[in-house]
Amino acid sequence: MFTIIGGDGQEYGPASVEQLRTWLTSGRANLETRARKAGETEWKRLGDFEEFAPPPGAPPLMAASAGIDPQLGGLGARFGAAFVDGFLRFACQVPTSLAIYKYVAEHVDLAGRPDAMTIMTTAREAMATAPSPYPYLAALAVLQGFLIASRSQSVGKILFNLRIVSATDGSKPGFLRAFLIRSGIPTAFEYIPILNLLYLPFWVVDTCFIFRSDRRCVHDLMAGTKVVKS
């Protein structure tokens, strides 16, 4: 009998060899799934147990384990969740943007085609009186941090049924890895002066890494996490 750790970080079992073979065939588990044999304390890859090792020359029991893990979050869901979380950050800056636009519209004759320098100077003046977006961003960070610490899910991941787990054993990665490292470092590139000059190339590389077989972006590699179906 075996106990396994599912993609949601929860333990399932005890399950017989025959039942686990059924889970492998259906995609509920794969040879990378962490498992523990009854009476033992060590967690191993399911494929490390002789009960699931294919005979010499035979194809793997679960072919998908050599390619895309069926438990991983789909590309569409990943991008959808990222869009929702990004939209929430954008929404936090809308009051500031509207205040700046209103100030510029009141102090510059836009119909008269003013030069760019005049518009930029007026916009800088507007920024001094416009409401700061940071209180809204801070409130959003508290919300997202709480959800990730308690559920391993951001707002976007809740809506798209995704969860952040440890890449090694599928357990909850905790607040430090799942939020501070995974989200904090990319945010530093976005908002900290000088570092923000590197934000665009970092974002491009980070996004492209999602097309790897393990679908782990750069921030996942730094935090030791991966995103699975909830």
Foldseek 3Di string as FASTA:
>chain_A
DKWWQFLQRDIDDPDDLVVVLVCLVVLRAHQQTWMDDPPDDDTDRNCVDPSQPDDPPDAHSRNCVVFARSFADDPVLVVQLVVVLVVQLVVLCVQQVVQLVVQLVVVDVVVVVDDPVVSVVSSVVSNVVGDDSVVSVVVQLVQQLVCCQVRQDGPSCVVSQKHKAALRHSHRLHSCLSRCQLPVVLVCCCPPPPSVVCNVVLVVQQVVCCPGRQRHGPSCVRSRIGMGGD
